[in-house]
PDB file of N, CA and C in Angstrom:
ATOM      1  N   MET A   1      14.591   3.558 -16.172  1.00  0.00           N
ATOM      2  CA  MET A   1      14.287   2.397 -16.970  1.00  0.00           C
ATOM      3  C   MET A   1      13.278   1.525 -16.230  1.00  0.00           C
ATOM      4  N   ASP A   2      12.232   1.133 -16.901  1.00  0.00           N
ATOM      5  CA  ASP A   2      11.219   0.272 -16.295  1.00  0.00           C
ATOM      6  C   ASP A   2      11.636  -1.189 -16.389  1.00  0.00           C
ATOM      7  N   THR A   3      11.131  -1.973 -15.459  1.00  0.00           N
ATOM      8  CA  THR A   3      11.388  -3.406 -15.463  1.00  0.00           C
ATOM      9  C   THR A   3      10.111  -4.125 -15.061  1.00  0.00           C
ATOM     10  N   ASN A   4      10.032  -5.391 -15.359  1.00  0.00           N
ATOM     11  CA  ASN A   4       8.857  -6.196 -15.020  1.00  0.00           C
ATOM     12  C   ASN A   4       9.188  -7.152 -13.893  1.00  0.00           C
ATOM     13  N   MET A   5       8.168  -7.455 -13.080  1.00  0.00           N
ATOM     14  CA  MET A   5       8.295  -8.456 -12.021  1.00  0.00           C
ATOM     15  C   MET A   5       7.141  -9.429 -12.181  1.00  0.00           C
ATOM     16  N   THR A   6       7.392 -10.678 -11.893  1.00  0.00           N
ATOM     17  CA  THR A   6       6.353 -11.694 -11.945  1.00  0.00           C
ATOM     18  C   THR A   6       6.369 -12.449 -10.623  1.00  0.00           C
ATOM     19  N   PHE A   7       5.186 -12.642 -10.041  1.00  0.00           N
ATOM     20  CA  PHE A   7       5.096 -13.425  -8.819  1.00  0.00           C
ATOM     21  C   PHE A   7       3.706 -14.028  -8.725  1.00  0.00           C
ATOM     22  N   ARG A   8       3.544 -14.962  -7.843  1.00  0.00           N
ATOM     23  CA  ARG A   8       2.271 -15.661  -7.684  1.00  0.00           C
ATOM     24  C   ARG A   8       1.516 -15.144  -6.466  1.00  0.00           C
ATOM     25  N   MET A   9       0.188 -15.131  -6.605  1.00  0.00           N
ATOM     26  CA  MET A   9      -0.673 -14.813  -5.475  1.00  0.00           C
ATOM     27  C   MET A   9      -1.987 -15.568  -5.655  1.00  0.00           C
ATOM     28  N   ASP A  10      -2.703 -15.724  -4.589  1.00  0.00           N
ATOM     29  CA  ASP A  10      -4.000 -16.378  -4.607  1.00  0.00           C
ATOM     30  C   ASP A  10      -4.947 -15.618  -5.543  1.00  0.00           C
ATOM     31  N   SER A  11      -5.701 -16.342  -6.360  1.00  0.00           N
ATOM     32  CA  SER A  11      -6.574 -15.691  -7.343  1.00  0.00           C
ATOM     33  C   SER A  11      -7.668 -14.857  -6.687  1.00  0.00           C
ATOM     34  N   GLN A  12      -8.172 -15.287  -5.536  1.00  0.00           N
ATOM     35  CA  GLN A  12      -9.190 -14.502  -4.840  1.00  0.00           C
ATOM     36  C   GLN A  12      -8.604 -13.185  -4.325  1.00  0.00           C
ATOM     37  N   THR A  13      -7.370 -13.230  -3.842  1.00  0.00           N
ATOM     38  CA  THR A  13      -6.705 -12.018  -3.380  1.00  0.00           C
ATOM     39  C   THR A  13      -6.495 -11.064  -4.547  1.00  0.00           C
ATOM     40  N   LYS A  14      -6.054 -11.608  -5.684  1.00  0.00           N
ATOM     41  CA  LYS A  14      -5.832 -10.771  -6.865  1.00  0.00           C
ATOM     42  C   LYS A  14      -7.137 -10.110  -7.313  1.00  0.00           C
ATOM     43  N   THR A  15      -8.217 -10.884  -7.350  1.00  0.00           N
ATOM     44  CA  THR A  15      -9.508 -10.345  -7.761  1.00  0.00           C
ATOM     45  C   THR A  15      -9.949  -9.231  -6.835  1.00  0.00           C
ATOM     46  N   ARG A  16      -9.843  -9.459  -5.536  1.00  0.00           N
ATOM     47  CA  ARG A  16     -10.265  -8.445  -4.560  1.00  0.00           C
ATOM     48  C   ARG A  16      -9.375  -7.209  -4.635  1.00  0.00           C
ATOM     49  N   MET A  17      -8.073  -7.427  -4.815  1.00  0.00           N
ATOM     50  CA  MET A  17      -7.152  -6.294  -4.935  1.00  0.00           C
ATOM     51  C   MET A  17      -7.495  -5.459  -6.165  1.00  0.00           C
ATOM     52  N   THR A  18      -7.769  -6.121  -7.273  1.00  0.00           N
ATOM     53  CA  THR A  18      -8.124  -5.419  -8.507  1.00  0.00           C
ATOM     54  C   THR A  18      -9.390  -4.591  -8.311  1.00  0.00           C
ATOM     55  N   GLU A  19     -10.374  -5.161  -7.619  1.00  0.00           N
ATOM     56  CA  GLU A  19     -11.623  -4.441  -7.345  1.00  0.00           C
ATOM     57  C   GLU A  19     -11.370  -3.207  -6.481  1.00  0.00           C
ATOM     58  N   ILE A  20     -10.585  -3.369  -5.433  1.00  0.00           N
ATOM     59  CA  ILE A  20     -10.294  -2.251  -4.529  1.00  0.00           C
ATOM     60  C   ILE A  20      -9.512  -1.172  -5.257  1.00  0.00           C
ATOM     61  N   CYS A  21      -8.517  -1.577  -6.029  1.00  0.00           N
ATOM     62  CA  CYS A  21      -7.728  -0.596  -6.792  1.00  0.00           C
ATOM     63  C   CYS A  21      -8.620   0.187  -7.744  1.00  0.00           C
ATOM     64  N   ALA A  22      -9.553  -0.495  -8.407  1.00  0.00           N
ATOM     65  CA  ALA A  22     -10.467   0.188  -9.328  1.00  0.00           C
ATOM     66  C   ALA A  22     -11.300   1.221  -8.577  1.00  0.00           C
ATOM     67  N   GLN A  23     -11.751   0.872  -7.381  1.00  0.00           N
ATOM     68  CA  GLN A  23     -12.531   1.814  -6.577  1.00  0.00           C
ATOM     69  C   GLN A  23     -11.688   3.021  -6.170  1.00  0.00           C
ATOM     70  N   LEU A  24     -10.390   2.808  -6.025  1.00  0.00           N
ATOM     71  CA  LEU A  24      -9.475   3.890  -5.654  1.00  0.00           C
ATOM     72  C   LEU A  24      -8.980   4.658  -6.873  1.00  0.00           C
ATOM     73  N   GLY A  25      -9.360   4.195  -8.063  1.00  0.00           N
ATOM     74  CA  GLY A  25      -8.955   4.880  -9.288  1.00  0.00           C
ATOM     75  C   GLY A  25      -7.523   4.602  -9.695  1.00  0.00           C
ATOM     76  N   MET A  26      -7.024   3.415  -9.367  1.00  0.00           N
ATOM     77  CA  MET A  26      -5.651   3.067  -9.730  1.00  0.00           C
ATOM     78  C   MET A  26      -5.601   1.630 -10.222  1.00  0.00           C
ATOM     79  N   THR A  27      -4.498   1.270 -10.828  1.00  0.00           N
ATOM     80  CA  THR A  27      -4.285  -0.111 -11.262  1.00  0.00           C
ATOM     81  C   THR A  27      -3.537  -0.862 -10.167  1.00  0.00           C
ATOM     82  N   THR A  28      -3.509  -2.169 -10.298  1.00  0.00           N
ATOM     83  CA  THR A  28      -2.727  -2.963  -9.339  1.00  0.00           C
ATOM     84  C   THR A  28      -1.244  -2.644  -9.492  1.00  0.00           C
ATOM     85  N   SER A  29      -0.810  -2.340 -10.697  1.00  0.00           N
ATOM     86  CA  SER A  29       0.581  -1.960 -10.918  1.00  0.00           C
ATOM     87  C   SER A  29       0.923  -0.697 -10.124  1.00  0.00           C
ATOM     88  N   THR A  30       0.014   0.270 -10.133  1.00  0.00           N
ATOM     89  CA  THR A  30       0.224   1.496  -9.352  1.00  0.00           C
ATOM     90  C   THR A  30       0.305   1.163  -7.862  1.00  0.00           C
ATOM     91  N   ALA A  31      -0.583   0.295  -7.399  1.00  0.00           N
ATOM     92  CA  ALA A  31      -0.582  -0.083  -5.977  1.00  0.00           C
ATOM     93  C   ALA A  31       0.739  -0.742  -5.591  1.00  0.00           C
ATOM     94  N   PHE A  32       1.240  -1.634  -6.442  1.00  0.00           N
ATOM     95  CA  PHE A  32       2.515  -2.283  -6.144  1.00  0.00           C
ATOM     96  C   PHE A  32       3.666  -1.283  -6.189  1.00  0.00           C
ATOM     97  N   ASN A  33       3.605  -0.317  -7.097  1.00  0.00           N
ATOM     98  CA  ASN A  33       4.640   0.711  -7.147  1.00  0.00           C
ATOM     99  C   ASN A  33       4.607   1.589  -5.904  1.00  0.00           C
ATOM    100  N   ILE A  34       3.411   1.901  -5.419  1.00  0.00           N
ATOM    101  CA  ILE A  34       3.291   2.667  -4.174  1.00  0.00           C
ATOM    102  C   ILE A  34       3.927   1.887  -3.031  1.00  0.00           C
ATOM    103  N   PHE A  35       3.610   0.579  -2.967  1.00  0.00           N
ATOM    104  CA  PHE A  35       4.201  -0.262  -1.921  1.00  0.00           C
ATOM    105  C   PHE A  35       5.722  -0.296  -2.057  1.00  0.00           C
ATOM    106  N   ALA A  36       6.216  -0.485  -3.288  1.00  0.00           N
ATOM    107  CA  ALA A  36       7.660  -0.578  -3.497  1.00  0.00           C
ATOM    108  C   ALA A  36       8.361   0.713  -3.075  1.00  0.00           C
ATOM    109  N   ASN A  37       7.782   1.861  -3.424  1.00  0.00           N
ATOM    110  CA  ASN A  37       8.371   3.134  -3.019  1.00  0.00           C
ATOM    111  C   ASN A  37       8.363   3.298  -1.505  1.00  0.00           C
ATOM    112  N   ALA A  38       7.266   2.896  -0.859  1.00  0.00           N
ATOM    113  CA  ALA A  38       7.184   2.972   0.605  1.00  0.00           C
ATOM    114  C   ALA A  38       8.200   2.025   1.240  1.00  0.00           C
ATOM    115  N   PHE A  39       8.370   0.838   0.644  1.00  0.00           N
ATOM    116  CA  PHE A  39       9.328  -0.150   1.134  1.00  0.00           C
ATOM    117  C   PHE A  39      10.745   0.416   1.091  1.00  0.00           C
ATOM    118  N   VAL A  40      11.095   1.039  -0.037  1.00  0.00           N
ATOM    119  CA  VAL A  40      12.423   1.629  -0.190  1.00  0.00           C
ATOM    120  C   VAL A  40      12.605   2.785   0.792  1.00  0.00           C
ATOM    121  N   ARG A  41      11.585   3.658   0.887  1.00  0.00           N
ATOM    122  CA  ARG A  41      11.674   4.804   1.787  1.00  0.00           C
ATOM    123  C   ARG A  41      11.848   4.353   3.242  1.00  0.00           C
ATOM    124  N   ALA A  42      11.136   3.279   3.629  1.00  0.00           N
ATOM    125  CA  ALA A  42      11.212   2.786   5.005  1.00  0.00           C
ATOM    126  C   ALA A  42      12.423   1.882   5.235  1.00  0.00           C
ATOM    127  N   ASN A  43      13.122   1.533   4.134  1.00  0.00           N
ATOM    128  CA  ASN A  43      14.240   0.592   4.206  1.00  0.00           C
ATOM    129  C   ASN A  43      13.778  -0.751   4.779  1.00  0.00           C
ATOM    130  N   GLY A  44      12.612  -1.165   4.394  1.00  0.00           N
ATOM    131  CA  GLY A  44      12.004  -2.412   4.857  1.00  0.00           C
ATOM    132  C   GLY A  44      10.501  -2.303   4.755  1.00  0.00           C
ATOM    133  N   MET A  45       9.811  -3.160   5.444  1.00  0.00           N
ATOM    134  CA  MET A  45       8.352  -3.138   5.393  1.00  0.00           C
ATOM    135  C   MET A  45       7.824  -1.790   5.881  1.00  0.00           C
ATOM    136  N   PRO A  46       6.890  -1.206   5.131  1.00  0.00           N
ATOM    137  CA  PRO A  46       6.369   0.111   5.526  1.00  0.00           C
ATOM    138  C   PRO A  46       5.258   0.025   6.571  1.00  0.00           C
ATOM    139  N   PHE A  47       5.128  -1.132   7.187  1.00  0.00           N
ATOM    140  CA  PHE A  47       4.134  -1.326   8.239  1.00  0.00           C
ATOM    141  C   PHE A  47       4.662  -2.391   9.180  1.00  0.00           C
ATOM    142  N   ALA A  48       4.135  -2.395  10.378  1.00  0.00           N
ATOM    143  CA  ALA A  48       4.594  -3.363  11.381  1.00  0.00           C
ATOM    144  C   ALA A  48       4.134  -4.764  11.008  1.00  0.00           C
ATOM    145  N   ILE A  49       5.019  -5.715  11.194  1.00  0.00           N
ATOM    146  CA  ILE A  49       4.670  -7.123  11.004  1.00  0.00           C
ATOM    147  C   ILE A  49       4.747  -7.763  12.370  1.00  0.00           C
ATOM    148  N   LYS A  50       3.600  -8.242  12.825  1.00  0.00           N
ATOM    149  CA  LYS A  50       3.549  -8.799  14.166  1.00  0.00           C
ATOM    150  C   LYS A  50       2.461  -9.857  14.239  1.00  0.00           C
ATOM    151  N   LEU A  51       2.480 -10.610  15.285  1.00  0.00           N
ATOM    152  CA  LEU A  51       1.447 -11.604  15.517  1.00  0.00           C
ATOM    153  C   LEU A  51       0.164 -10.905  15.925  1.00  0.00           C
ATOM    154  N   ASP A  52      -0.957 -11.427  15.453  1.00  0.00           N
ATOM    155  CA  ASP A  52      -2.243 -10.863  15.856  1.00  0.00           C
ATOM    156  C   ASP A  52      -2.449 -11.046  17.346  1.00  0.00           C
ATOM    157  N   SER A  53      -2.955 -10.018  17.951  1.00  0.00           N
ATOM    158  CA  SER A  53      -3.241 -10.062  19.374  1.00  0.00           C
ATOM    159  C   SER A  53      -4.733  -9.813  19.552  1.00  0.00           C
ATOM    160  N   PRO A  54      -5.464 -10.776  20.091  1.00  0.00           N
ATOM    161  CA  PRO A  54      -6.905 -10.590  20.235  1.00  0.00           C
ATOM    162  C   PRO A  54      -7.285  -9.423  21.132  1.00  0.00           C
ATOM    163  N   SER A  55      -6.364  -8.974  21.983  1.00  0.00           N
ATOM    164  CA  SER A  55      -6.694  -7.884  22.889  1.00  0.00           C
ATOM    165  C   SER A  55      -6.583  -6.508  22.227  1.00  0.00           C
ATOM    166  N   SER A  56      -5.939  -6.439  21.060  1.00  0.00           N
ATOM    167  CA  SER A  56      -5.795  -5.139  20.412  1.00  0.00           C
ATOM    168  C   SER A  56      -6.851  -4.986  19.316  1.00  0.00           C
ATOM    169  N   THR A  57      -7.696  -4.011  19.489  1.00  0.00           N
ATOM    170  CA  THR A  57      -8.746  -3.735  18.528  1.00  0.00           C
ATOM    171  C   THR A  57      -8.464  -2.396  17.884  1.00  0.00           C
ATOM    172  N   VAL A  58      -8.453  -2.395  16.560  1.00  0.00           N
ATOM    173  CA  VAL A  58      -8.214  -1.162  15.820  1.00  0.00           C
ATOM    174  C   VAL A  58      -9.568  -0.562  15.467  1.00  0.00           C
ATOM    175  N   THR A  59      -9.753   0.685  15.825  1.00  0.00           N
ATOM    176  CA  THR A  59     -11.023   1.344  15.538  1.00  0.00           C
ATOM    177  C   THR A  59     -11.033   1.872  14.106  1.00  0.00           C
ATOM    178  N   ARG A  60     -12.203   2.161  13.621  1.00  0.00           N
ATOM    179  CA  ARG A  60     -12.354   2.728  12.273  1.00  0.00           C
ATOM    180  C   ARG A  60     -11.623   4.064  12.191  1.00  0.00           C
ATOM    181  N   ALA A  61     -11.706   4.855  13.242  1.00  0.00           N
ATOM    182  CA  ALA A  61     -11.030   6.151  13.277  1.00  0.00           C
ATOM    183  C   ALA A  61      -9.514   5.973  13.161  1.00  0.00           C
ATOM    184  N   GLN A  62      -8.955   4.950  13.834  1.00  0.00           N
ATOM    185  CA  GLN A  62      -7.518   4.700  13.750  1.00  0.00           C
ATOM    186  C   GLN A  62      -7.124   4.275  12.334  1.00  0.00           C
ATOM    187  N   MET A  63      -7.946   3.422  11.720  1.00  0.00           N
ATOM    188  CA  MET A  63      -7.659   2.985  10.348  1.00  0.00           C
ATOM    189  C   MET A  63      -7.697   4.160   9.380  1.00  0.00           C
ATOM    190  N   LEU A  64      -8.702   5.027   9.521  1.00  0.00           N
ATOM    191  CA  LEU A  64      -8.808   6.186   8.639  1.00  0.00           C
ATOM    192  C   LEU A  64      -7.645   7.148   8.853  1.00  0.00           C
ATOM    193  N   SER A  65      -7.241   7.318  10.094  1.00  0.00           N
ATOM    194  CA  SER A  65      -6.102   8.186  10.401  1.00  0.00           C
ATOM    195  C   SER A  65      -4.825   7.622   9.784  1.00  0.00           C
ATOM    196  N   ASP A  66      -4.615   6.310   9.922  1.00  0.00           N
ATOM    197  CA  ASP A  66      -3.445   5.669   9.318  1.00  0.00           C
ATOM    198  C   ASP A  66      -3.462   5.829   7.799  1.00  0.00           C
ATOM    199  N   ALA A  67      -4.624   5.634   7.193  1.00  0.00           N
ATOM    200  CA  ALA A  67      -4.751   5.771   5.737  1.00  0.00           C
ATOM    201  C   ALA A  67      -4.438   7.204   5.309  1.00  0.00           C
ATOM    202  N   ASP A  68      -4.924   8.180   6.059  1.00  0.00           N
ATOM    203  CA  ASP A  68      -4.617   9.583   5.759  1.00  0.00           C
ATOM    204  C   ASP A  68      -3.119   9.856   5.829  1.00  0.00           C
ATOM    205  N   ASP A  69      -2.460   9.318   6.854  1.00  0.00           N
ATOM    206  CA  ASP A  69      -1.015   9.500   7.000  1.00  0.00           C
ATOM    207  C   ASP A  69      -0.261   8.890   5.817  1.00  0.00           C
ATOM    208  N   ILE A  70      -0.648   7.680   5.435  1.00  0.00           N
ATOM    209  CA  ILE A  70       0.014   6.996   4.324  1.00  0.00           C
ATOM    210  C   ILE A  70      -0.190   7.768   3.030  1.00  0.00           C
ATOM    211  N   LEU A  71      -1.428   8.188   2.769  1.00  0.00           N
ATOM    212  CA  LEU A  71      -1.715   8.932   1.539  1.00  0.00           C
ATOM    213  C   LEU A  71      -0.986  10.270   1.518  1.00  0.00           C
ATOM    214  N   SER A  72      -0.857  10.902   2.662  1.00  0.00           N
ATOM    215  CA  SER A  72      -0.121  12.161   2.749  1.00  0.00           C
ATOM    216  C   SER A  72       1.355  11.943   2.407  1.00  0.00           C
ATOM    217  N   ASP A  73       1.935  10.871   2.945  1.00  0.00           N
ATOM    218  CA  ASP A  73       3.333  10.545   2.634  1.00  0.00           C
ATOM    219  C   ASP A  73       3.511  10.286   1.141  1.00  0.00           C
ATOM    220  N   PHE A  74       2.593   9.513   0.556  1.00  0.00           N
ATOM    221  CA  PHE A  74       2.680   9.199  -0.872  1.00  0.00           C
ATOM    222  C   PHE A  74       2.534  10.463  -1.702  1.00  0.00           C
ATOM    223  N   ALA A  75       1.623  11.342  -1.310  1.00  0.00           N
ATOM    224  CA  ALA A  75       1.414  12.583  -2.060  1.00  0.00           C
ATOM    225  C   ALA A  75       2.690  13.425  -2.047  1.00  0.00           C
ATOM    226  N   GLN A  76       3.343  13.486  -0.903  1.00  0.00           N
ATOM    227  CA  GLN A  76       4.585  14.249  -0.804  1.00  0.00           C
ATOM    228  C   GLN A  76       5.669  13.622  -1.672  1.00  0.00           C
ATOM    229  N   ASP A  77       5.758  12.279  -1.678  1.00  0.00           N
ATOM    230  CA  ASP A  77       6.748  11.590  -2.508  1.00  0.00           C
ATOM    231  C   ASP A  77       6.498  11.864  -3.983  1.00  0.00           C
ATOM    232  N   TYR A  78       5.249  11.754  -4.414  1.00  0.00           N
ATOM    233  CA  TYR A  78       4.940  11.960  -5.822  1.00  0.00           C
ATOM    234  C   TYR A  78       5.161  13.416  -6.225  1.00  0.00           C
ATOM    235  N   LYS A  79       4.908  14.343  -5.306  1.00  0.00           N
ATOM    236  CA  LYS A  79       5.157  15.759  -5.597  1.00  0.00           C
ATOM    237  C   LYS A  79       6.654  15.978  -5.807  1.00  0.00           C
ATOM    238  N   ARG A  80       7.472  15.378  -4.938  1.00  0.00           N
ATOM    239  CA  ARG A  80       8.930  15.491  -5.089  1.00  0.00           C
ATOM    240  C   ARG A  80       9.402  14.840  -6.388  1.00  0.00           C
ATOM    241  N   MET A  81       8.823  13.704  -6.753  1.00  0.00           N
ATOM    242  CA  MET A  81       9.207  13.020  -7.986  1.00  0.00           C
ATOM    243  C   MET A  81       8.802  13.838  -9.207  1.00  0.00           C
ATOM    244  N   ALA A  82       7.728  14.611  -9.124  1.00  0.00           N
ATOM    245  CA  ALA A  82       7.253  15.404 -10.254  1.00  0.00           C
ATOM    246  C   ALA A  82       8.108  16.656 -10.474  1.00  0.00           C
ATOM    247  N   GLU A  83       8.825  17.058  -9.440  1.00  0.00           N
ATOM    248  CA  GLU A  83       9.645  18.285  -9.556  1.00  0.00           C
ATOM    249  C   GLU A  83      10.903  18.042 -10.360  1.00  0.00           C
TER     250      GLU A  83
END
């Protein structure tokens, strides 16, 4: 059974999120569902929440690797859900 959620966010964030989702070929609803599934699977936030540290620099290669890992996990989840 589907349900609706309503919450507030900054309009600039919403606009940018909508643009990024469109570039990825998905809706914002799909993006939130991906997050919700990852949240449930991780039993909490699916990413580390920490204070920014100026000494830690994330390289483009690290970001791409993280994105690949996340997309791989989502693909496996959706494959299992489709079965």
